[in-house]
C-alpha atoms as a PDB file:
ATOM      1  CA  MET A   1      -0.025   0.163  -0.053  1.00  0.00           C
ATOM      2  CA  ASN A   2       1.222   3.438  -0.972  1.00  0.00           C
ATOM      3  CA  ARG A   3       1.428   6.114   1.497  1.00  0.00           C
ATOM      4  CA  GLN A   4      -0.115   9.003   1.048  1.00  0.00           C
ATOM      5  CA  PHE A   5       1.550  12.710   2.003  1.00  0.00           C
ATOM      6  CA  GLN A   6       0.175  16.086   2.500  1.00  0.00           C
ATOM      7  CA  ILE A   7       2.649  18.888   1.335  1.00  0.00           C
ATOM      8  CA  SER A   8       2.496  22.659   2.102  1.00  0.00           C
ATOM      9  CA  ILE A   9       3.886  24.846  -0.947  1.00  0.00           C
ATOM     10  CA  ASP A  10       3.491  28.366  -1.950  1.00  0.00           C
ATOM     11  CA  SER A  11       1.654  28.887  -5.390  1.00  0.00           C
ATOM     12  CA  LEU A  12       4.727  29.896  -7.475  1.00  0.00           C
ATOM     13  CA  ASP A  13       6.645  26.709  -6.753  1.00  0.00           C
ATOM     14  CA  LEU A  14       3.551  24.604  -7.492  1.00  0.00           C
ATOM     15  CA  GLY A  15       3.199  26.131 -10.368  1.00  0.00           C
ATOM     16  CA  GLN A  16       6.661  25.494 -11.206  1.00  0.00           C
ATOM     17  CA  THR A  17       6.118  21.927 -10.329  1.00  0.00           C
ATOM     18  CA  LEU A  18       3.292  21.462 -12.531  1.00  0.00           C
ATOM     19  CA  ASP A  19       5.557  23.206 -15.413  1.00  0.00           C
ATOM     20  CA  GLY A  20       7.814  20.333 -14.945  1.00  0.00           C
ATOM     21  CA  LEU A  21       5.203  17.560 -14.952  1.00  0.00           C
ATOM     22  CA  ARG A  22       3.916  18.733 -18.174  1.00  0.00           C
ATOM     23  CA  THR A  23       6.950  18.884 -19.429  1.00  0.00           C
ATOM     24  CA  ARG A  24       7.911  15.060 -18.602  1.00  0.00           C
ATOM     25  CA  ALA A  25       4.693  14.075 -19.502  1.00  0.00           C
ATOM     26  CA  GLU A  26       5.003  15.742 -23.134  1.00  0.00           C
ATOM     27  CA  ALA A  27       8.346  13.990 -23.472  1.00  0.00           C
ATOM     28  CA  TRP A  28       6.597  10.402 -22.807  1.00  0.00           C
ATOM     29  CA  GLN A  29       3.767  11.245 -24.921  1.00  0.00           C
ATOM     30  CA  LYS A  30       5.930  12.579 -27.761  1.00  0.00           C
ATOM     31  CA  THR A  31       8.225   8.902 -27.298  1.00  0.00           C
ATOM     32  CA  ASN A  32       5.146   7.092 -27.439  1.00  0.00           C
ATOM     33  CA  GLU A  33       4.083   8.417 -30.906  1.00  0.00           C
ATOM     34  CA  CYS A  34       7.851   8.287 -32.053  1.00  0.00           C
ATOM     35  CA  LEU A  35       7.988   4.761 -31.011  1.00  0.00           C
ATOM     36  CA  GLU A  36       4.521   4.002 -32.445  1.00  0.00           C
ATOM     37  CA  SER A  37       4.734   6.131 -36.109  1.00  0.00           C
ATOM     38  CA  GLY A  38       8.691   5.452 -36.458  1.00  0.00           C
ATOM     39  CA  ARG A  39       8.770   9.628 -36.889  1.00  0.00           C
ATOM     40  CA  PHE A  40      10.386  12.248 -34.761  1.00  0.00           C
ATOM     41  CA  PRO A  41       8.633  15.200 -34.154  1.00  0.00           C
ATOM     42  CA  ASP A  42      11.520  17.521 -34.808  1.00  0.00           C
ATOM     43  CA  ASN A  43      15.369  17.371 -34.734  1.00  0.00           C
ATOM     44  CA  SER A  44      15.575  18.678 -31.204  1.00  0.00           C
ATOM     45  CA  PHE A  45      13.645  15.832 -29.743  1.00  0.00           C
ATOM     46  CA  ILE A  46      15.246  12.844 -27.903  1.00  0.00           C
ATOM     47  CA  CYS A  47      13.345  10.010 -27.026  1.00  0.00           C
ATOM     48  CA  GLU A  48      13.244   9.204 -23.340  1.00  0.00           C
ATOM     49  CA  GLU A  49      14.400   5.688 -22.971  1.00  0.00           C
ATOM     50  CA  CYS A  50      11.908   2.864 -22.481  1.00  0.00           C
ATOM     51  CA  SER A  51      11.478  -0.906 -23.980  1.00  0.00           C
ATOM     52  CA  ASN A  52       8.316   0.000 -26.285  1.00  0.00           C
ATOM     53  CA  SER A  53       5.503   2.423 -26.910  1.00  0.00           C
ATOM     54  CA  HIS A  54       3.429   0.830 -24.446  1.00  0.00           C
ATOM     55  CA  GLU A  55       5.646   1.409 -21.650  1.00  0.00           C
ATOM     56  CA  ALA A  56       5.976   5.119 -22.847  1.00  0.00           C
ATOM     57  CA  ALA A  57       2.328   5.737 -22.785  1.00  0.00           C
ATOM     58  CA  LYS A  58       1.824   4.067 -19.582  1.00  0.00           C
ATOM     59  CA  ILE A  59       4.298   6.626 -18.023  1.00  0.00           C
ATOM     60  CA  ALA A  60       2.809   9.612 -19.886  1.00  0.00           C
ATOM     61  CA  PHE A  61      -0.397   8.441 -18.269  1.00  0.00           C
ATOM     62  CA  HIS A  62       0.885   8.372 -15.070  1.00  0.00           C
ATOM     63  CA  TYR A  63       2.337  11.571 -15.445  1.00  0.00           C
ATOM     64  CA  GLY A  64      -1.014  13.200 -16.353  1.00  0.00           C
ATOM     65  CA  LYS A  65      -2.597  11.099 -13.501  1.00  0.00           C
ATOM     66  CA  ILE A  66      -0.549  13.033 -10.942  1.00  0.00           C
ATOM     67  CA  ILE A  67      -1.168  16.148 -12.942  1.00  0.00           C
ATOM     68  CA  SER A  68      -4.904  15.971 -12.421  1.00  0.00           C
ATOM     69  CA  LEU A  69      -4.642  14.807  -8.820  1.00  0.00           C
ATOM     70  CA  ILE A  70      -2.705  18.266  -8.151  1.00  0.00           C
ATOM     71  CA  GLU A  71      -5.061  20.453  -9.844  1.00  0.00           C
ATOM     72  CA  GLN A  72      -8.165  18.392  -8.462  1.00  0.00           C
ATOM     73  CA  GLN A  73      -6.908  19.414  -4.860  1.00  0.00           C
ATOM     74  CA  VAL A  74      -5.970  23.180  -5.864  1.00  0.00           C
ATOM     75  CA  ALA A  75      -9.472  23.808  -7.089  1.00  0.00           C
ATOM     76  CA  GLU A  76     -10.667  22.195  -3.632  1.00  0.00           C
ATOM     77  CA  GLN A  77      -8.702  24.706  -2.300  1.00  0.00           C
ATOM     78  CA  GLY A  78     -10.287  27.672  -4.031  1.00  0.00           C
ATOM     79  CA  GLY A  79      -8.020  27.560  -6.661  1.00  0.00           C
ATOM     80  CA  TRP A  80      -4.876  29.941  -7.561  1.00  0.00           C
END
């Protein structure tokens, strides 16, 4: 069973944290797309290291879930 944590963080730091999580989610989603299609979106993109597109999609989904949970808790506390 996973432990639950309650963390207190100011809104600026929370915004930075969410930006970082969104960046990671996007990188994994692009990795999934690259592995499925065999094409890279641009020359500056570097695929994340994983076994296959299924694993990349699973990781991207997990990041999305974390982002959603945080956004939900922010909304429950009155938003930004």
